């Protein structure tokens, strides 16, 4: 499983780029915000990667920001949304605006994205509104955290919700786990996730 890719940007075009690493050119699907954030061809780049494997097909999807990658993961949980449509949705609506539309149940806004009709917009809202942290929570709960802790907080929350835990109980468990860490600024994802899971078990 490829988690990140670093190399020379050979080509960039709407929808996909080619990155050469160790003599191999990798085609990477990218949403438009990622494309716009990349330098000109020939420059060295590093992107976060989501590897999508289905049947005999392997697709690499790249991002410059963690919130875009998380939004992509959530979108692909929706029935009927594959990697290309998820990339298209993030091209039409950046991650923070997508999050806001889902939280506000703004299906009309979602329908303005090419490829998203009324039924798909309603499905996105219904299936994701309780899985994605609302925008107000992200601002209120993480604005005082250092950048490393903020990203870690969101990654652990995403992992717990993917495991089936509810958002609010997960938030409280993460906060308790961070308070118990001797070095909260240096803690890693795996360590914090283990501590948080122990906190959740104690509550059941």
N, C-alpha and C. Protein backbone atom coordinates (compact mmCIF):
# COMPACT_ATOMS: atom_id res chain seq x y z
N UNK A 1 0.85 -1.19 0.00
CA UNK A 1 0.00 0.00 0.00
C UNK A 1 0.89 1.24 0.00
N UNK A 2 0.72 2.11 -0.98
CA UNK A 2 1.51 3.33 -1.07
C UNK A 2 0.82 4.43 -0.26
N UNK A 3 1.57 5.03 0.68
CA UNK A 3 1.01 6.08 1.53
C UNK A 3 1.42 7.46 1.06
N UNK A 4 2.59 7.57 0.44
CA UNK A 4 3.04 8.86 -0.08
C UNK A 4 3.98 8.60 -1.25
N UNK A 5 4.17 9.63 -2.06
CA UNK A 5 5.00 9.50 -3.26
C UNK A 5 5.82 10.76 -3.42
N UNK A 6 7.15 10.59 -3.57
CA UNK A 6 8.06 11.71 -3.72
C UNK A 6 8.89 11.51 -4.97
N UNK A 7 8.95 12.52 -5.81
CA UNK A 7 9.72 12.39 -7.03
C UNK A 7 9.59 13.61 -7.92
N UNK A 8 9.95 13.46 -9.16
CA UNK A 8 9.90 14.56 -10.13
C UNK A 8 8.54 14.60 -10.82
N UNK A 9 7.96 15.77 -10.88
CA UNK A 9 6.67 15.95 -11.54
C UNK A 9 6.90 16.01 -13.05
N UNK A 10 6.55 14.95 -13.77
CA UNK A 10 6.77 14.90 -15.21
C UNK A 10 5.69 15.62 -15.98
N UNK A 11 4.46 15.47 -15.54
CA UNK A 11 3.36 16.05 -16.29
C UNK A 11 2.20 16.36 -15.35
N UNK A 12 1.54 17.47 -15.60
CA UNK A 12 0.33 17.80 -14.83
C UNK A 12 -0.76 18.24 -15.79
N UNK A 13 -1.94 17.72 -15.57
CA UNK A 13 -3.09 18.06 -16.38
C UNK A 13 -4.33 17.90 -15.52
N UNK A 14 -5.45 18.51 -15.89
CA UNK A 14 -6.66 18.38 -15.09
C UNK A 14 -7.04 16.92 -14.86
N UNK A 15 -7.12 16.53 -13.61
CA UNK A 15 -7.53 15.17 -13.29
C UNK A 15 -6.41 14.24 -12.91
N UNK A 16 -5.20 14.44 -13.46
CA UNK A 16 -4.11 13.49 -13.18
C UNK A 16 -2.75 14.13 -13.41
N UNK A 17 -1.77 13.62 -12.68
CA UNK A 17 -0.38 14.04 -12.87
C UNK A 17 0.47 12.78 -12.98
N UNK A 18 1.69 12.94 -13.47
CA UNK A 18 2.63 11.82 -13.53
C UNK A 18 3.86 12.21 -12.71
N UNK A 19 4.19 11.37 -11.74
CA UNK A 19 5.35 11.60 -10.87
C UNK A 19 6.34 10.46 -11.06
N UNK A 20 7.58 10.81 -11.36
CA UNK A 20 8.62 9.80 -11.55
C UNK A 20 9.40 9.60 -10.26
N UNK A 21 9.43 8.36 -9.78
CA UNK A 21 10.17 8.02 -8.57
C UNK A 21 10.98 6.76 -8.84
N UNK A 22 12.28 6.84 -8.65
CA UNK A 22 13.18 5.71 -8.89
C UNK A 22 13.04 5.14 -10.30
N UNK A 23 12.90 6.03 -11.26
CA UNK A 23 12.84 5.61 -12.65
C UNK A 23 11.49 5.12 -13.13
N UNK A 24 10.48 5.14 -12.25
CA UNK A 24 9.14 4.68 -12.61
C UNK A 24 8.18 5.86 -12.60
N UNK A 25 7.40 6.01 -13.66
CA UNK A 25 6.41 7.08 -13.71
C UNK A 25 5.07 6.60 -13.19
N UNK A 26 4.57 7.24 -12.16
CA UNK A 26 3.29 6.87 -11.55
C UNK A 26 2.22 7.89 -11.95
N UNK A 27 1.12 7.40 -12.53
CA UNK A 27 0.00 8.28 -12.81
C UNK A 27 -0.84 8.41 -11.54
N UNK A 28 -1.10 9.64 -11.14
CA UNK A 28 -1.81 9.90 -9.89
C UNK A 28 -3.02 10.78 -10.18
N UNK A 29 -4.21 10.30 -9.84
CA UNK A 29 -5.41 11.14 -9.95
C UNK A 29 -5.36 12.21 -8.88
N UNK A 30 -5.71 13.43 -9.23
CA UNK A 30 -5.70 14.51 -8.24
C UNK A 30 -6.91 15.41 -8.44
N UNK A 31 -7.51 15.89 -7.35
CA UNK A 31 -8.57 16.90 -7.49
C UNK A 31 -7.93 18.23 -7.85
N UNK A 32 -8.72 19.14 -8.36
CA UNK A 32 -8.19 20.42 -8.83
C UNK A 32 -7.45 21.23 -7.76
N UNK A 33 -7.92 21.28 -6.50
CA UNK A 33 -7.16 22.03 -5.49
C UNK A 33 -5.72 21.51 -5.33
N UNK A 34 -5.54 20.20 -5.45
CA UNK A 34 -4.19 19.63 -5.37
C UNK A 34 -3.39 20.01 -6.61
N UNK A 35 -4.02 19.91 -7.77
CA UNK A 35 -3.34 20.27 -9.02
C UNK A 35 -2.85 21.71 -8.97
N UNK A 36 -3.70 22.62 -8.51
CA UNK A 36 -3.33 24.03 -8.46
C UNK A 36 -2.20 24.29 -7.46
N UNK A 37 -2.09 23.43 -6.46
CA UNK A 37 -1.06 23.62 -5.45
C UNK A 37 0.29 23.04 -5.83
N UNK A 38 0.35 22.32 -6.93
CA UNK A 38 1.61 21.71 -7.36
C UNK A 38 2.42 22.69 -8.20
N UNK A 39 3.76 22.58 -8.16
CA UNK A 39 4.60 23.46 -8.98
C UNK A 39 4.56 23.04 -10.44
N UNK A 40 5.34 23.72 -11.27
CA UNK A 40 5.41 23.37 -12.68
C UNK A 40 6.12 22.04 -12.89
N UNK A 41 5.87 21.43 -14.04
CA UNK A 41 6.53 20.16 -14.38
C UNK A 41 8.04 20.32 -14.29
N UNK A 42 8.69 19.28 -13.79
CA UNK A 42 10.15 19.29 -13.62
C UNK A 42 10.57 19.49 -12.18
N UNK A 43 9.67 19.98 -11.35
CA UNK A 43 9.99 20.22 -9.95
C UNK A 43 9.84 18.94 -9.12
N UNK A 44 10.51 18.91 -7.98
CA UNK A 44 10.37 17.81 -7.03
C UNK A 44 9.10 18.02 -6.21
N UNK A 45 8.32 16.96 -6.06
CA UNK A 45 7.07 17.07 -5.30
C UNK A 45 6.91 15.87 -4.37
N UNK A 46 6.07 16.03 -3.39
CA UNK A 46 5.69 14.92 -2.52
C UNK A 46 4.20 15.05 -2.24
N UNK A 47 3.46 13.98 -2.48
CA UNK A 47 2.02 14.00 -2.24
C UNK A 47 1.61 12.82 -1.37
N UNK A 48 0.57 13.03 -0.57
CA UNK A 48 -0.03 11.93 0.18
C UNK A 48 -0.85 11.10 -0.80
N UNK A 49 -0.83 9.80 -0.61
CA UNK A 49 -1.48 8.90 -1.56
C UNK A 49 -2.54 8.03 -0.89
N UNK A 50 -3.66 7.90 -1.55
CA UNK A 50 -4.64 6.86 -1.21
C UNK A 50 -4.61 5.84 -2.34
N UNK A 51 -4.32 4.59 -1.99
CA UNK A 51 -4.24 3.53 -3.00
C UNK A 51 -5.58 2.82 -3.07
N UNK A 52 -6.17 2.85 -4.23
CA UNK A 52 -7.48 2.22 -4.44
C UNK A 52 -7.28 0.94 -5.26
N UNK A 53 -7.61 -0.19 -4.66
CA UNK A 53 -7.45 -1.49 -5.33
C UNK A 53 -8.81 -2.12 -5.53
N UNK A 54 -9.11 -2.47 -6.77
CA UNK A 54 -10.39 -3.12 -7.05
C UNK A 54 -10.20 -4.07 -8.22
N UNK A 55 -10.53 -5.35 -8.00
CA UNK A 55 -10.33 -6.38 -9.02
C UNK A 55 -8.87 -6.32 -9.48
N UNK A 56 -8.64 -6.08 -10.78
CA UNK A 56 -7.27 -6.01 -11.29
C UNK A 56 -6.80 -4.57 -11.51
N UNK A 57 -7.54 -3.62 -10.97
CA UNK A 57 -7.23 -2.22 -11.18
C UNK A 57 -6.65 -1.58 -9.92
N UNK A 58 -5.55 -0.85 -10.09
CA UNK A 58 -4.94 -0.11 -8.99
C UNK A 58 -4.89 1.37 -9.39
N UNK A 59 -5.50 2.22 -8.59
CA UNK A 59 -5.51 3.65 -8.84
C UNK A 59 -4.83 4.37 -7.68
N UNK A 60 -3.97 5.33 -8.01
CA UNK A 60 -3.35 6.16 -6.99
C UNK A 60 -4.02 7.52 -7.02
N UNK A 61 -4.43 7.99 -5.86
CA UNK A 61 -5.07 9.31 -5.75
C UNK A 61 -4.22 10.15 -4.82
N UNK A 62 -3.84 11.34 -5.28
CA UNK A 62 -2.90 12.16 -4.51
C UNK A 62 -3.49 13.44 -3.95
N UNK A 63 -2.92 13.87 -2.82
CA UNK A 63 -3.39 15.07 -2.12
C UNK A 63 -2.21 15.80 -1.49
N UNK A 64 -2.36 17.11 -1.36
CA UNK A 64 -1.37 17.91 -0.64
C UNK A 64 -1.80 18.18 0.78
N UNK A 65 -3.10 18.07 1.05
CA UNK A 65 -3.63 18.37 2.38
C UNK A 65 -4.32 17.16 2.98
N UNK A 66 -4.14 16.99 4.29
CA UNK A 66 -4.75 15.86 4.98
C UNK A 66 -6.27 15.93 4.95
N UNK A 67 -6.85 17.14 5.05
CA UNK A 67 -8.31 17.23 5.07
C UNK A 67 -8.91 16.81 3.74
N UNK A 68 -8.19 17.07 2.63
CA UNK A 68 -8.67 16.61 1.32
C UNK A 68 -8.64 15.08 1.25
N UNK A 69 -7.58 14.50 1.79
CA UNK A 69 -7.48 13.04 1.78
C UNK A 69 -8.58 12.41 2.62
N UNK A 70 -8.86 13.00 3.79
CA UNK A 70 -9.91 12.46 4.65
C UNK A 70 -11.27 12.60 3.99
N UNK A 71 -11.52 13.74 3.35
CA UNK A 71 -12.79 13.95 2.65
C UNK A 71 -12.96 12.92 1.54
N UNK A 72 -11.88 12.62 0.84
CA UNK A 72 -11.92 11.60 -0.22
C UNK A 72 -12.29 10.24 0.36
N UNK A 73 -11.68 9.89 1.48
CA UNK A 73 -11.97 8.59 2.11
C UNK A 73 -13.45 8.49 2.48
N UNK A 74 -13.98 9.56 3.05
CA UNK A 74 -15.38 9.54 3.42
C UNK A 74 -16.27 9.41 2.19
N UNK A 75 -15.96 10.16 1.14
CA UNK A 75 -16.77 10.10 -0.07
C UNK A 75 -16.83 8.70 -0.65
N UNK A 76 -15.71 8.00 -0.64
CA UNK A 76 -15.69 6.65 -1.22
C UNK A 76 -16.41 5.63 -0.34
N UNK A 77 -16.84 6.03 0.86
CA UNK A 77 -17.67 5.15 1.68
C UNK A 77 -19.12 5.17 1.21
N UNK A 78 -19.48 6.18 0.44
CA UNK A 78 -20.86 6.33 -0.01
C UNK A 78 -21.13 5.35 -1.16
N UNK A 79 -22.23 4.64 -1.06
CA UNK A 79 -22.62 3.69 -2.10
C UNK A 79 -22.76 4.39 -3.44
N UNK A 80 -22.02 3.90 -4.43
CA UNK A 80 -22.12 4.47 -5.77
C UNK A 80 -21.05 5.49 -6.10
N UNK A 81 -20.20 5.83 -5.13
CA UNK A 81 -19.11 6.79 -5.39
C UNK A 81 -17.78 6.05 -5.47
N UNK A 82 -17.21 6.04 -6.65
CA UNK A 82 -15.90 5.45 -6.86
C UNK A 82 -14.82 6.51 -6.80
N UNK A 83 -13.57 6.12 -7.01
CA UNK A 83 -12.46 7.07 -6.88
C UNK A 83 -12.55 8.25 -7.84
N UNK A 84 -12.95 8.02 -9.08
CA UNK A 84 -12.98 9.11 -10.05
C UNK A 84 -14.08 10.12 -9.72
N UNK A 85 -15.24 9.64 -9.30
CA UNK A 85 -16.31 10.56 -8.93
C UNK A 85 -15.93 11.32 -7.66
N UNK A 86 -15.27 10.65 -6.72
CA UNK A 86 -14.83 11.33 -5.49
C UNK A 86 -13.86 12.45 -5.81
N UNK A 87 -12.92 12.19 -6.74
CA UNK A 87 -11.98 13.22 -7.17
C UNK A 87 -12.72 14.36 -7.85
N UNK A 88 -13.71 14.02 -8.65
CA UNK A 88 -14.51 15.04 -9.34
C UNK A 88 -15.27 15.92 -8.35
N UNK A 89 -15.80 15.30 -7.30
CA UNK A 89 -16.55 16.06 -6.29
C UNK A 89 -15.62 17.03 -5.57
N UNK A 90 -14.41 16.57 -5.22
CA UNK A 90 -13.46 17.44 -4.53
C UNK A 90 -12.89 18.51 -5.46
N UNK A 91 -12.99 18.28 -6.76
CA UNK A 91 -12.59 19.31 -7.72
C UNK A 91 -13.65 20.41 -7.79
N UNK A 92 -14.89 20.03 -7.59
CA UNK A 92 -15.99 21.00 -7.64
C UNK A 92 -16.26 21.69 -6.33
N UNK A 93 -15.82 21.06 -5.23
CA UNK A 93 -16.09 21.62 -3.91
C UNK A 93 -14.93 21.23 -2.98
N UNK A 94 -14.11 22.19 -2.54
CA UNK A 94 -13.01 21.88 -1.64
C UNK A 94 -13.50 21.20 -0.36
N UNK A 95 -12.60 20.52 0.32
CA UNK A 95 -12.97 19.70 1.47
C UNK A 95 -13.77 20.45 2.52
N UNK A 96 -13.32 21.67 2.88
CA UNK A 96 -14.03 22.40 3.93
C UNK A 96 -15.44 22.80 3.51
N UNK A 97 -15.61 23.14 2.22
CA UNK A 97 -16.94 23.51 1.73
C UNK A 97 -17.83 22.28 1.58
N UNK A 98 -17.23 21.16 1.20
CA UNK A 98 -17.98 19.90 1.13
C UNK A 98 -18.50 19.52 2.51
N UNK A 99 -17.64 19.64 3.50
CA UNK A 99 -18.01 19.34 4.88
C UNK A 99 -19.17 20.21 5.33
N UNK A 100 -19.07 21.49 5.02
CA UNK A 100 -20.13 22.43 5.41
C UNK A 100 -21.45 22.07 4.73
N UNK A 101 -21.39 21.72 3.45
CA UNK A 101 -22.61 21.36 2.72
C UNK A 101 -23.28 20.13 3.32
N UNK A 102 -22.47 19.16 3.73
CA UNK A 102 -23.01 17.93 4.32
C UNK A 102 -23.64 18.22 5.68
N UNK A 103 -22.91 18.99 6.52
CA UNK A 103 -23.41 19.32 7.85
C UNK A 103 -24.72 20.11 7.76
N UNK A 104 -24.78 21.02 6.79
CA UNK A 104 -25.98 21.86 6.62
C UNK A 104 -27.05 21.19 5.76
N UNK A 105 -26.79 19.96 5.32
CA UNK A 105 -27.72 19.21 4.47
C UNK A 105 -28.07 20.00 3.21
N UNK A 106 -27.07 20.67 2.66
CA UNK A 106 -27.27 21.52 1.49
C UNK A 106 -27.12 20.68 0.22
N UNK A 107 -28.16 19.92 -0.11
CA UNK A 107 -28.09 19.05 -1.28
C UNK A 107 -28.06 19.84 -2.59
N UNK A 108 -28.66 21.04 -2.59
CA UNK A 108 -28.65 21.85 -3.80
C UNK A 108 -27.22 22.26 -4.18
N UNK A 109 -26.44 22.56 -3.17
CA UNK A 109 -25.04 22.93 -3.43
C UNK A 109 -24.26 21.74 -4.01
N UNK A 110 -24.54 20.57 -3.48
CA UNK A 110 -23.86 19.37 -3.97
C UNK A 110 -24.27 19.06 -5.41
N UNK A 111 -25.53 19.34 -5.75
CA UNK A 111 -26.02 19.04 -7.09
C UNK A 111 -25.37 19.91 -8.17
N UNK A 112 -24.73 20.99 -7.78
CA UNK A 112 -24.07 21.86 -8.75
C UNK A 112 -22.77 21.24 -9.27
N UNK A 113 -22.31 20.18 -8.60
CA UNK A 113 -21.08 19.51 -9.03
C UNK A 113 -21.41 18.57 -10.18
N UNK A 114 -20.69 18.66 -11.30
CA UNK A 114 -20.94 17.75 -12.43
C UNK A 114 -20.85 16.29 -11.99
N UNK A 115 -21.86 15.51 -12.36
CA UNK A 115 -21.88 14.10 -12.02
C UNK A 115 -22.65 13.78 -10.75
N UNK A 116 -23.09 14.82 -10.04
CA UNK A 116 -23.86 14.61 -8.80
C UNK A 116 -25.29 15.08 -9.02
N UNK A 117 -26.21 14.14 -9.11
CA UNK A 117 -27.62 14.47 -9.26
C UNK A 117 -28.30 14.56 -7.91
N UNK A 118 -29.61 14.73 -7.94
CA UNK A 118 -30.37 14.90 -6.71
C UNK A 118 -30.26 13.68 -5.80
N UNK A 119 -30.42 12.48 -6.35
CA UNK A 119 -30.38 11.26 -5.53
C UNK A 119 -28.99 11.06 -4.92
N UNK A 120 -27.94 11.32 -5.70
CA UNK A 120 -26.59 11.16 -5.18
C UNK A 120 -26.30 12.18 -4.09
N UNK A 121 -26.75 13.41 -4.28
CA UNK A 121 -26.54 14.45 -3.27
C UNK A 121 -27.23 14.07 -1.96
N UNK A 122 -28.44 13.57 -2.06
CA UNK A 122 -29.18 13.15 -0.86
C UNK A 122 -28.50 11.97 -0.19
N UNK A 123 -27.96 11.05 -0.99
CA UNK A 123 -27.27 9.89 -0.44
C UNK A 123 -26.00 10.31 0.30
N UNK A 124 -25.26 11.27 -0.26
CA UNK A 124 -24.05 11.76 0.39
C UNK A 124 -24.37 12.33 1.77
N UNK A 125 -25.42 13.13 1.84
CA UNK A 125 -25.80 13.74 3.11
C UNK A 125 -26.25 12.68 4.11
N UNK A 126 -27.12 11.78 3.68
CA UNK A 126 -27.67 10.77 4.59
C UNK A 126 -26.57 9.85 5.12
N UNK A 127 -25.66 9.43 4.26
CA UNK A 127 -24.65 8.45 4.67
C UNK A 127 -23.47 9.06 5.40
N UNK A 128 -23.24 10.37 5.25
CA UNK A 128 -22.04 10.96 5.83
C UNK A 128 -22.29 11.96 6.95
N UNK A 129 -23.51 12.45 7.10
CA UNK A 129 -23.74 13.53 8.07
C UNK A 129 -23.38 13.14 9.50
N UNK A 130 -23.45 11.85 9.84
CA UNK A 130 -23.11 11.42 11.19
C UNK A 130 -21.71 10.83 11.28
N UNK A 131 -21.00 10.81 10.16
CA UNK A 131 -19.66 10.23 10.16
C UNK A 131 -18.56 11.28 10.12
N UNK A 132 -18.85 12.41 9.50
CA UNK A 132 -17.84 13.46 9.39
C UNK A 132 -18.03 14.48 10.50
N UNK A 133 -16.95 14.86 11.18
CA UNK A 133 -17.07 15.88 12.23
C UNK A 133 -17.59 17.18 11.63
N UNK A 134 -18.59 17.80 12.24
CA UNK A 134 -19.10 19.07 11.71
C UNK A 134 -18.03 20.16 11.76
N UNK A 135 -18.15 21.12 10.87
CA UNK A 135 -17.16 22.19 10.76
C UNK A 135 -16.99 22.93 12.08
N UNK A 136 -18.10 23.13 12.81
CA UNK A 136 -18.02 23.84 14.08
C UNK A 136 -17.13 23.07 15.07
N UNK A 137 -17.22 21.72 15.02
CA UNK A 137 -16.40 20.92 15.93
C UNK A 137 -14.93 21.07 15.59
N UNK A 138 -14.59 21.02 14.31
CA UNK A 138 -13.19 21.13 13.91
C UNK A 138 -12.60 22.44 14.40
N UNK A 139 -13.35 23.53 14.25
CA UNK A 139 -12.85 24.83 14.68
C UNK A 139 -12.72 24.88 16.20
N UNK A 140 -13.77 24.48 16.90
CA UNK A 140 -13.81 24.63 18.35
C UNK A 140 -12.83 23.70 19.06
N UNK A 141 -12.70 22.47 18.57
CA UNK A 141 -11.93 21.48 19.28
C UNK A 141 -10.45 21.45 18.92
N UNK A 142 -10.08 21.98 17.78
CA UNK A 142 -8.68 21.83 17.36
C UNK A 142 -7.95 23.14 17.14
N UNK A 143 -8.62 24.28 17.25
CA UNK A 143 -7.95 25.53 16.92
C UNK A 143 -6.81 25.85 17.88
N UNK A 144 -6.88 25.37 19.12
CA UNK A 144 -5.83 25.67 20.09
C UNK A 144 -4.70 24.64 20.08
N UNK A 145 -4.84 23.61 19.29
CA UNK A 145 -3.83 22.55 19.25
C UNK A 145 -2.70 22.91 18.30
N UNK A 146 -1.46 22.47 18.60
CA UNK A 146 -0.37 22.61 17.64
C UNK A 146 -0.71 21.85 16.37
N UNK A 147 -0.14 22.23 15.21
CA UNK A 147 -0.47 21.58 13.94
C UNK A 147 -0.35 20.06 13.98
N UNK A 148 0.71 19.54 14.61
CA UNK A 148 0.90 18.09 14.67
C UNK A 148 -0.24 17.43 15.42
N UNK A 149 -0.61 18.00 16.58
CA UNK A 149 -1.68 17.41 17.38
C UNK A 149 -3.02 17.52 16.67
N UNK A 150 -3.25 18.62 15.97
CA UNK A 150 -4.52 18.79 15.26
C UNK A 150 -4.69 17.71 14.21
N UNK A 151 -3.64 17.47 13.42
CA UNK A 151 -3.71 16.44 12.38
C UNK A 151 -3.87 15.07 13.00
N UNK A 152 -3.13 14.83 14.10
CA UNK A 152 -3.22 13.54 14.80
C UNK A 152 -4.61 13.32 15.35
N UNK A 153 -5.18 14.35 15.96
CA UNK A 153 -6.54 14.30 16.52
C UNK A 153 -7.54 13.86 15.45
N UNK A 154 -7.46 14.50 14.29
CA UNK A 154 -8.40 14.20 13.22
C UNK A 154 -8.19 12.80 12.65
N UNK A 155 -6.93 12.36 12.56
CA UNK A 155 -6.65 11.02 12.04
C UNK A 155 -7.19 9.95 12.98
N UNK A 156 -6.98 10.14 14.29
CA UNK A 156 -7.48 9.17 15.28
C UNK A 156 -9.00 9.15 15.27
N UNK A 157 -9.62 10.34 15.20
CA UNK A 157 -11.08 10.40 15.15
C UNK A 157 -11.61 9.66 13.93
N UNK A 158 -10.98 9.89 12.78
CA UNK A 158 -11.40 9.21 11.55
C UNK A 158 -11.29 7.70 11.70
N UNK A 159 -10.17 7.25 12.28
CA UNK A 159 -9.97 5.80 12.46
C UNK A 159 -11.04 5.20 13.36
N UNK A 160 -11.35 5.89 14.45
CA UNK A 160 -12.35 5.37 15.39
C UNK A 160 -13.74 5.32 14.76
N UNK A 161 -14.08 6.35 14.00
CA UNK A 161 -15.40 6.36 13.36
C UNK A 161 -15.49 5.28 12.28
N UNK A 162 -14.36 5.00 11.63
CA UNK A 162 -14.35 3.91 10.66
C UNK A 162 -14.53 2.55 11.34
N UNK A 163 -14.13 2.48 12.62
CA UNK A 163 -14.31 1.25 13.40
C UNK A 163 -15.73 1.13 13.97
N UNK A 164 -16.52 2.20 13.81
CA UNK A 164 -17.91 2.12 14.25
C UNK A 164 -18.23 2.89 15.52
N UNK A 165 -17.22 3.55 16.11
CA UNK A 165 -17.49 4.33 17.32
C UNK A 165 -18.19 5.64 16.96
N UNK A 166 -19.00 6.14 17.88
CA UNK A 166 -19.71 7.39 17.65
C UNK A 166 -18.77 8.57 17.83
N UNK A 167 -19.10 9.68 17.15
CA UNK A 167 -18.20 10.82 17.14
C UNK A 167 -17.95 11.39 18.54
N UNK A 168 -19.04 11.66 19.28
CA UNK A 168 -18.88 12.35 20.56
C UNK A 168 -18.10 11.52 21.57
N UNK A 169 -18.36 10.22 21.65
CA UNK A 169 -17.61 9.39 22.59
C UNK A 169 -16.15 9.28 22.16
N UNK A 170 -15.90 9.32 20.87
CA UNK A 170 -14.53 9.27 20.36
C UNK A 170 -13.78 10.55 20.72
N UNK A 171 -14.44 11.70 20.54
CA UNK A 171 -13.82 12.98 20.87
C UNK A 171 -13.38 13.02 22.34
N UNK A 172 -14.28 12.60 23.21
CA UNK A 172 -13.98 12.63 24.65
C UNK A 172 -12.84 11.69 25.00
N UNK A 173 -12.83 10.52 24.37
CA UNK A 173 -11.77 9.54 24.64
C UNK A 173 -10.41 10.05 24.16
N UNK A 174 -10.38 10.71 23.01
CA UNK A 174 -9.12 11.27 22.49
C UNK A 174 -8.60 12.34 23.44
N UNK A 175 -9.50 13.20 23.91
CA UNK A 175 -9.09 14.26 24.82
C UNK A 175 -8.52 13.68 26.11
N UNK A 176 -9.14 12.64 26.65
CA UNK A 176 -8.62 11.99 27.87
C UNK A 176 -7.27 11.36 27.59
N UNK A 177 -7.14 10.73 26.43
CA UNK A 177 -5.88 10.07 26.08
C UNK A 177 -4.74 11.08 25.95
N UNK A 178 -5.03 12.23 25.34
CA UNK A 178 -3.99 13.26 25.20
C UNK A 178 -3.57 13.81 26.56
N UNK A 179 -4.52 13.96 27.47
CA UNK A 179 -4.18 14.46 28.80
C UNK A 179 -3.28 13.49 29.56
N UNK A 180 -3.41 12.20 29.26
CA UNK A 180 -2.62 11.19 29.97
C UNK A 180 -1.23 10.98 29.37
N UNK A 181 -1.00 11.50 28.18
CA UNK A 181 0.30 11.33 27.53
C UNK A 181 1.35 12.20 28.21
N UNK A 182 2.52 11.60 28.50
CA UNK A 182 3.61 12.36 29.11
C UNK A 182 4.18 13.38 28.12
N UNK A 183 4.17 13.03 26.83
CA UNK A 183 4.68 13.93 25.80
C UNK A 183 3.64 14.05 24.69
N UNK A 184 2.55 14.80 24.93
CA UNK A 184 1.47 14.87 23.94
C UNK A 184 1.90 15.44 22.59
N UNK A 185 2.94 16.28 22.59
CA UNK A 185 3.40 16.86 21.32
C UNK A 185 4.22 15.86 20.51
N UNK A 186 4.77 14.84 21.18
CA UNK A 186 5.61 13.88 20.47
C UNK A 186 4.94 12.54 20.24
N UNK A 187 3.71 12.38 20.70
CA UNK A 187 3.03 11.09 20.56
C UNK A 187 2.71 10.81 19.10
N UNK A 188 2.78 9.53 18.71
CA UNK A 188 2.48 9.14 17.33
C UNK A 188 1.06 8.64 17.18
N UNK A 189 0.68 8.41 15.95
CA UNK A 189 -0.68 7.98 15.64
C UNK A 189 -1.01 6.64 16.31
N UNK A 190 -0.15 5.65 16.16
CA UNK A 190 -0.43 4.32 16.70
C UNK A 190 -0.55 4.34 18.21
N UNK A 191 0.35 5.07 18.88
CA UNK A 191 0.33 5.13 20.34
C UNK A 191 -0.93 5.81 20.85
N UNK A 192 -1.30 6.93 20.21
CA UNK A 192 -2.50 7.65 20.65
C UNK A 192 -3.76 6.84 20.38
N UNK A 193 -3.79 6.13 19.25
CA UNK A 193 -4.95 5.31 18.93
C UNK A 193 -5.12 4.20 19.96
N UNK A 194 -4.02 3.56 20.36
CA UNK A 194 -4.09 2.49 21.36
C UNK A 194 -4.60 3.03 22.69
N UNK A 195 -4.06 4.17 23.12
CA UNK A 195 -4.49 4.76 24.39
C UNK A 195 -5.97 5.14 24.34
N UNK A 196 -6.39 5.69 23.21
CA UNK A 196 -7.80 6.10 23.07
C UNK A 196 -8.72 4.90 23.09
N UNK A 197 -8.33 3.82 22.44
CA UNK A 197 -9.14 2.60 22.45
C UNK A 197 -9.29 2.06 23.87
N UNK A 198 -8.22 2.15 24.66
CA UNK A 198 -8.31 1.70 26.06
C UNK A 198 -9.29 2.56 26.83
N UNK A 199 -9.30 3.87 26.54
CA UNK A 199 -10.25 4.77 27.19
C UNK A 199 -11.68 4.42 26.82
N UNK A 200 -11.89 4.08 25.56
CA UNK A 200 -13.24 3.71 25.10
C UNK A 200 -13.71 2.41 25.76
N UNK A 201 -12.79 1.47 25.91
CA UNK A 201 -13.13 0.19 26.54
C UNK A 201 -13.54 0.42 27.99
N UNK A 202 -12.86 1.32 28.69
CA UNK A 202 -13.17 1.59 30.10
C UNK A 202 -14.57 2.17 30.26
N UNK A 203 -15.03 2.88 29.22
CA UNK A 203 -16.34 3.53 29.29
C UNK A 203 -17.50 2.56 29.00
N UNK A 204 -17.18 1.39 28.41
CA UNK A 204 -18.25 0.44 28.06
C UNK A 204 -18.54 -0.51 29.20
